[in-house]
PDB file of N, CA and C in Angstrom:
ATOM      1  N   MET A   1       1.062  -0.804  -0.818  1.00  0.00           N
ATOM      2  CA  MET A   1       2.296  -0.961  -1.544  1.00  0.00           C
ATOM      3  C   MET A   1       2.105  -0.368  -2.928  1.00  0.00           C
ATOM      4  N   THR A   2       3.120   0.257  -3.441  1.00  0.00           N
ATOM      5  CA  THR A   2       3.093   0.752  -4.817  1.00  0.00           C
ATOM      6  C   THR A   2       4.282   0.193  -5.573  1.00  0.00           C
ATOM      7  N   THR A   3       4.090   0.060  -6.862  1.00  0.00           N
ATOM      8  CA  THR A   3       5.171  -0.341  -7.746  1.00  0.00           C
ATOM      9  C   THR A   3       4.880   0.244  -9.120  1.00  0.00           C
ATOM     10  N   HIS A   4       5.885   0.360  -9.917  1.00  0.00           N
ATOM     11  CA  HIS A   4       5.737   0.935 -11.246  1.00  0.00           C
ATOM     12  C   HIS A   4       5.990  -0.128 -12.298  1.00  0.00           C
ATOM     13  N   GLY A   5       5.198  -0.092 -13.359  1.00  0.00           N
ATOM     14  CA  GLY A   5       5.379  -1.025 -14.449  1.00  0.00           C
ATOM     15  C   GLY A   5       4.540  -0.620 -15.634  1.00  0.00           C
ATOM     16  N   ASP A   6       4.744  -1.302 -16.742  1.00  0.00           N
ATOM     17  CA  ASP A   6       3.985  -1.008 -17.960  1.00  0.00           C
ATOM     18  C   ASP A   6       2.579  -1.598 -17.910  1.00  0.00           C
ATOM     19  N   SER A   7       2.406  -2.679 -17.140  1.00  0.00           N
ATOM     20  CA  SER A   7       1.108  -3.347 -17.040  1.00  0.00           C
ATOM     21  C   SER A   7       1.136  -4.287 -15.831  1.00  0.00           C
ATOM     22  N   LEU A   8      -0.028  -4.788 -15.461  1.00  0.00           N
ATOM     23  CA  LEU A   8      -0.094  -5.774 -14.379  1.00  0.00           C
ATOM     24  C   LEU A   8       0.693  -7.020 -14.771  1.00  0.00           C
ATOM     25  N   GLU A   9       0.591  -7.395 -16.025  1.00  0.00           N
ATOM     26  CA  GLU A   9       1.319  -8.571 -16.506  1.00  0.00           C
ATOM     27  C   GLU A   9       2.829  -8.381 -16.369  1.00  0.00           C
ATOM     28  N   ASP A  10       3.306  -7.180 -16.647  1.00  0.00           N
ATOM     29  CA  ASP A  10       4.723  -6.856 -16.497  1.00  0.00           C
ATOM     30  C   ASP A  10       5.149  -7.020 -15.037  1.00  0.00           C
ATOM     31  N   ILE A  11       4.355  -6.523 -14.136  1.00  0.00           N
ATOM     32  CA  ILE A  11       4.675  -6.586 -12.711  1.00  0.00           C
ATOM     33  C   ILE A  11       4.647  -8.030 -12.205  1.00  0.00           C
ATOM     34  N   GLN A  12       3.704  -8.818 -12.704  1.00  0.00           N
ATOM     35  CA  GLN A  12       3.584 -10.216 -12.273  1.00  0.00           C
ATOM     36  C   GLN A  12       4.807 -11.046 -12.651  1.00  0.00           C
ATOM     37  N   LYS A  13       5.555 -10.623 -13.645  1.00  0.00           N
ATOM     38  CA  LYS A  13       6.733 -11.361 -14.111  1.00  0.00           C
ATOM     39  C   LYS A  13       8.005 -11.010 -13.344  1.00  0.00           C
ATOM     40  N   ARG A  14       7.967  -9.976 -12.542  1.00  0.00           N
ATOM     41  CA  ARG A  14       9.182  -9.540 -11.847  1.00  0.00           C
ATOM     42  C   ARG A  14       9.544 -10.517 -10.720  1.00  0.00           C
ATOM     43  N   PRO A  15      10.791 -10.971 -10.708  1.00  0.00           N
ATOM     44  CA  PRO A  15      11.209 -11.965  -9.710  1.00  0.00           C
ATOM     45  C   PRO A  15      11.009 -11.523  -8.258  1.00  0.00           C
ATOM     46  N   THR A  16      11.167 -10.242  -7.979  1.00  0.00           N
ATOM     47  CA  THR A  16      11.017  -9.780  -6.593  1.00  0.00           C
ATOM     48  C   THR A  16       9.558  -9.653  -6.175  1.00  0.00           C
ATOM     49  N   LEU A  17       8.660  -9.440  -7.123  1.00  0.00           N
ATOM     50  CA  LEU A  17       7.244  -9.262  -6.797  1.00  0.00           C
ATOM     51  C   LEU A  17       6.427 -10.532  -6.970  1.00  0.00           C
ATOM     52  N   LYS A  18       6.865 -11.422  -7.820  1.00  0.00           N
ATOM     53  CA  LYS A  18       6.102 -12.632  -8.120  1.00  0.00           C
ATOM     54  C   LYS A  18       5.700 -13.409  -6.853  1.00  0.00           C
ATOM     55  N   PRO A  19       6.617 -13.680  -5.915  1.00  0.00           N
ATOM     56  CA  PRO A  19       6.216 -14.425  -4.706  1.00  0.00           C
ATOM     57  C   PRO A  19       5.163 -13.685  -3.873  1.00  0.00           C
ATOM     58  N   ILE A  20       5.275 -12.376  -3.793  1.00  0.00           N
ATOM     59  CA  ILE A  20       4.320 -11.577  -3.019  1.00  0.00           C
ATOM     60  C   ILE A  20       2.937 -11.674  -3.654  1.00  0.00           C
ATOM     61  N   LEU A  21       2.879 -11.577  -4.972  1.00  0.00           N
ATOM     62  CA  LEU A  21       1.600 -11.661  -5.673  1.00  0.00           C
ATOM     63  C   LEU A  21       1.004 -13.062  -5.573  1.00  0.00           C
ATOM     64  N   GLU A  22       1.848 -14.082  -5.626  1.00  0.00           N
ATOM     65  CA  GLU A  22       1.369 -15.463  -5.537  1.00  0.00           C
ATOM     66  C   GLU A  22       0.796 -15.788  -4.158  1.00  0.00           C
ATOM     67  N   MET A  23       1.193 -15.054  -3.129  1.00  0.00           N
ATOM     68  CA  MET A  23       0.652 -15.262  -1.780  1.00  0.00           C
ATOM     69  C   MET A  23      -0.802 -14.800  -1.665  1.00  0.00           C
ATOM     70  N   GLY A  24      -1.259 -14.019  -2.615  1.00  0.00           N
ATOM     71  CA  GLY A  24      -2.639 -13.552  -2.590  1.00  0.00           C
ATOM     72  C   GLY A  24      -2.924 -12.496  -1.534  1.00  0.00           C
ATOM     73  N   ILE A  25      -1.930 -11.709  -1.210  1.00  0.00           N
ATOM     74  CA  ILE A  25      -2.054 -10.689  -0.169  1.00  0.00           C
ATOM     75  C   ILE A  25      -2.979  -9.554  -0.598  1.00  0.00           C
ATOM     76  N   PHE A  26      -2.983  -9.232  -1.876  1.00  0.00           N
ATOM     77  CA  PHE A  26      -3.719  -8.073  -2.362  1.00  0.00           C
ATOM     78  C   PHE A  26      -5.096  -8.452  -2.889  1.00  0.00           C
ATOM     79  N   ASP A  27      -6.097  -7.630  -2.572  1.00  0.00           N
ATOM     80  CA  ASP A  27      -7.469  -7.839  -3.036  1.00  0.00           C
ATOM     81  C   ASP A  27      -7.702  -7.209  -4.398  1.00  0.00           C
ATOM     82  N   ARG A  28      -7.018  -6.099  -4.655  1.00  0.00           N
ATOM     83  CA  ARG A  28      -7.211  -5.396  -5.921  1.00  0.00           C
ATOM     84  C   ARG A  28      -5.987  -4.584  -6.278  1.00  0.00           C
ATOM     85  N   PHE A  29      -5.955  -4.200  -7.537  1.00  0.00           N
ATOM     86  CA  PHE A  29      -4.864  -3.395  -8.065  1.00  0.00           C
ATOM     87  C   PHE A  29      -5.459  -2.169  -8.747  1.00  0.00           C
ATOM     88  N   VAL A  30      -4.861  -1.033  -8.532  1.00  0.00           N
ATOM     89  CA  VAL A  30      -5.301   0.213  -9.150  1.00  0.00           C
ATOM     90  C   VAL A  30      -4.221   0.640 -10.130  1.00  0.00           C
ATOM     91  N   GLU A  31      -4.613   0.759 -11.398  1.00  0.00           N
ATOM     92  CA  GLU A  31      -3.673   1.197 -12.425  1.00  0.00           C
ATOM     93  C   GLU A  31      -3.864   2.687 -12.664  1.00  0.00           C
ATOM     94  N   LEU A  32      -2.752   3.396 -12.648  1.00  0.00           N
ATOM     95  CA  LEU A  32      -2.783   4.844 -12.843  1.00  0.00           C
ATOM     96  C   LEU A  32      -2.145   5.221 -14.159  1.00  0.00           C
ATOM     97  N   GLY A  33      -2.607   6.314 -14.722  1.00  0.00           N
ATOM     98  CA  GLY A  33      -2.042   6.845 -15.960  1.00  0.00           C
ATOM     99  C   GLY A  33      -1.966   8.356 -15.868  1.00  0.00           C
ATOM    100  N   ARG A  34      -1.817   8.985 -17.002  1.00  0.00           N
ATOM    101  CA  ARG A  34      -1.694  10.451 -17.045  1.00  0.00           C
ATOM    102  C   ARG A  34      -2.692  11.082 -18.006  1.00  0.00           C
ATOM    103  N   ILE A  35      -3.708  10.339 -18.412  1.00  0.00           N
ATOM    104  CA  ILE A  35      -4.629  10.824 -19.430  1.00  0.00           C
ATOM    105  C   ILE A  35      -5.290  12.153 -19.053  1.00  0.00           C
ATOM    106  N   SER A  36      -5.611  12.339 -17.789  1.00  0.00           N
ATOM    107  CA  SER A  36      -6.195  13.605 -17.309  1.00  0.00           C
ATOM    108  C   SER A  36      -5.299  14.231 -16.252  1.00  0.00           C
ATOM    109  N   GLY A  37      -4.007  13.983 -16.374  1.00  0.00           N
ATOM    110  CA  GLY A  37      -3.037  14.451 -15.388  1.00  0.00           C
ATOM    111  C   GLY A  37      -2.495  13.276 -14.600  1.00  0.00           C
ATOM    112  N   PRO A  38      -1.363  13.458 -13.938  1.00  0.00           N
ATOM    113  CA  PRO A  38      -0.744  12.378 -13.166  1.00  0.00           C
ATOM    114  C   PRO A  38      -1.708  11.805 -12.126  1.00  0.00           C
ATOM    115  N   GLY A  39      -1.697  10.499 -12.009  1.00  0.00           N
ATOM    116  CA  GLY A  39      -2.520   9.837 -10.998  1.00  0.00           C
ATOM    117  C   GLY A  39      -3.937   9.541 -11.431  1.00  0.00           C
ATOM    118  N   THR A  40      -4.237   9.660 -12.711  1.00  0.00           N
ATOM    119  CA  THR A  40      -5.574   9.334 -13.219  1.00  0.00           C
ATOM    120  C   THR A  40      -5.775   7.822 -13.146  1.00  0.00           C
ATOM    121  N   ILE A  41      -6.866   7.381 -12.539  1.00  0.00           N
ATOM    122  CA  ILE A  41      -7.156   5.949 -12.459  1.00  0.00           C
ATOM    123  C   ILE A  41      -7.597   5.469 -13.835  1.00  0.00           C
ATOM    124  N   THR A  42      -6.865   4.496 -14.387  1.00  0.00           N
ATOM    125  CA  THR A  42      -7.225   3.953 -15.691  1.00  0.00           C
ATOM    126  C   THR A  42      -8.006   2.655 -15.564  1.00  0.00           C
ATOM    127  N   SER A  43      -7.768   1.890 -14.501  1.00  0.00           N
ATOM    128  CA  SER A  43      -8.556   0.684 -14.244  1.00  0.00           C
ATOM    129  C   SER A  43      -8.322   0.204 -12.824  1.00  0.00           C
ATOM    130  N   ILE A  44      -9.267  -0.587 -12.363  1.00  0.00           N
ATOM    131  CA  ILE A  44      -9.161  -1.258 -11.071  1.00  0.00           C
ATOM    132  C   ILE A  44      -9.358  -2.736 -11.367  1.00  0.00           C
ATOM    133  N   ARG A  45      -8.452  -3.555 -10.867  1.00  0.00           N
ATOM    134  CA  ARG A  45      -8.504  -4.995 -11.143  1.00  0.00           C
ATOM    135  C   ARG A  45      -8.637  -5.801  -9.861  1.00  0.00           C
ATOM    136  N   GLU A  46      -9.317  -6.920  -9.976  1.00  0.00           N
ATOM    137  CA  GLU A  46      -9.404  -7.874  -8.879  1.00  0.00           C
ATOM    138  C   GLU A  46      -8.040  -8.566  -8.754  1.00  0.00           C
ATOM    139  N   ALA A  47      -7.852  -9.300  -7.681  1.00  0.00           N
ATOM    140  CA  ALA A  47      -6.598 -10.021  -7.476  1.00  0.00           C
ATOM    141  C   ALA A  47      -6.285 -10.965  -8.633  1.00  0.00           C
ATOM    142  N   SER A  48      -7.308 -11.487  -9.282  1.00  0.00           N
ATOM    143  CA  SER A  48      -7.128 -12.399 -10.416  1.00  0.00           C
ATOM    144  C   SER A  48      -6.643 -11.670 -11.666  1.00  0.00           C
ATOM    145  N   GLY A  49      -6.728 -10.332 -11.655  1.00  0.00           N
ATOM    146  CA  GLY A  49      -6.334  -9.535 -12.808  1.00  0.00           C
ATOM    147  C   GLY A  49      -7.521  -9.076 -13.631  1.00  0.00           C
ATOM    148  N   LYS A  50      -8.710  -9.621 -13.339  1.00  0.00           N
ATOM    149  CA  LYS A  50      -9.913  -9.238 -14.076  1.00  0.00           C
ATOM    150  C   LYS A  50     -10.301  -7.802 -13.718  1.00  0.00           C
ATOM    151  N   LYS A  51     -10.635  -7.008 -14.732  1.00  0.00           N
ATOM    152  CA  LYS A  51     -11.035  -5.629 -14.497  1.00  0.00           C
ATOM    153  C   LYS A  51     -12.424  -5.587 -13.864  1.00  0.00           C
ATOM    154  N   PHE A  52     -12.589  -4.661 -12.884  1.00  0.00           N
ATOM    155  CA  PHE A  52     -13.895  -4.421 -12.305  1.00  0.00           C
ATOM    156  C   PHE A  52     -14.748  -3.733 -13.369  1.00  0.00           C
ATOM    157  N   ALA A  53     -16.005  -4.097 -13.434  1.00  0.00           N
ATOM    158  CA  ALA A  53     -16.927  -3.428 -14.356  1.00  0.00           C
ATOM    159  C   ALA A  53     -17.325  -2.089 -13.799  1.00  0.00           C
ATOM    160  N   LYS A  54     -17.448  -1.098 -14.666  1.00  0.00           N
ATOM    161  CA  LYS A  54     -17.895   0.232 -14.231  1.00  0.00           C
ATOM    162  C   LYS A  54     -19.384   0.168 -13.929  1.00  0.00           C
ATOM    163  N   LYS A  55     -19.789   0.895 -12.894  1.00  0.00           N
ATOM    164  CA  LYS A  55     -21.210   0.926 -12.522  1.00  0.00           C
ATOM    165  C   LYS A  55     -21.871   2.130 -13.091  1.00  0.00           C
TER     166      LYS A  55
END
């Protein structure tokens, strides 16, 4: 599933997405930006919202 928003926090507040997120269906979230062109991965987050540490 994809959705657009300013941040994970922004998406979590949306009435249509909030129930889906509360069900815990997703294991992780991938945030994209445009820093090196469209689709650049800016962060990967766990379901809790915590950012994965870079290895």
